[in-house]
Amino acid sequence: MTLNSNPQARISHLPRADGSATFSRGGYCVVAAVNGPIEVQRRDENPFESVVDVVVRPAAGVGGTGERQLENILRSALRQLIPVKNLPRCLIQVTLQVTETPQNDYANSKVVQAQSSLPLLPALFHSAILALLSAAVPLKAIATCATLAVVRKGDKIIADPSPLEIDQSKSLHVVIFTSQNDLLLLESEGTFSMAEWDEVINKGQSVCSQHRQAELGVAMDDDSQDATDMQQFIRTVMESKAA
C-alpha cells in the first residue's frame, strides 16, 4: 500500500465543539475537538492559570500506557504555546480521536502501536494546533512537528519515514519547532550517539522551519526541500477558512 505523504486537513466541521479539525498524513488520520476556554470544575481550578486537558483515543480498543504517554507529551507542548496565565480558572479541553493508522507493506497488517507511539505524534499535534486555531484559542506561536528516523544502513537520517523505514531504523525521533525557530520538544527512542542526536536536531529544525529559512534566504538540503512546509500548510488551511 502506498502512503500519501501529502497532508490533508479539514477544519470547523464538528458542530458541537468550539473548534475542530481532521488531519491526515502518511496513513494516519486524527480528528480533533477543542472546547474552551470554559469553566473548570472547582476541584481542578487553578487561580493563576488555565488547565489544559488532552485526551487521546486509539483507533480501536481502549487507550493504554501509549496513549497516556502521548497525552503527557502533548499537554506539555501545548501548555508552552497557550498563554495559560492569561486565562486563569479556565479549562481548555483537547480531544484527539485516531481514526486511521498505516499498514506495513510487507506485514500487510496494522502497525502495532505498542511498538512505538512516536510516529503518531505529528498527526496528533498538527490536528490539535488546527483545532485550537479553529476555536480561536490564543497561541504564543505556531509550531510544527516532524518525525526523523536514523536508519542502520549508512546512519542516514530520514524525515517522515514510512512504517517499513521505522521498523528498519535504529532510533526514532520526533521534534517540534515554533515559528520563531525555537525547539519546543524532542522525544527520542532507540540507540543513537550524541553526534547523531545533534544531527537530528539540525535536520528537524530544517524540516520544521522551511518557511522561515526561505524568507531569510537560507539554503536547505535536498531532503528538507522535498518535505512539506507544514507552517505554510497550516497558514493555507486557516486562510481557506477565512476566505
Foldseek 3Di string as FASTA:
>chain_A
DDWAQDKDKDWDPDPVALIWMWIDGQFWIKIKGKHDQDADDPVPFDQQFEAEFEFEAEQDDGDDPLRVVLRVQLRQLVPQWAPGRVPGRGYMYMYMYINTADDDPVVRDGDDCVVDVVLCNQSRNLRRQRRCVSSVRHTPFAKHKWKWFQAPVPRDIAISDHPVRNVRGQKIKMWMATQVLHTRDIDMDGDDDVVSVVVVSVVGSLQAHVVVCVVVVHDDDPNSVPHDHVVVVSVVNVVVVVD
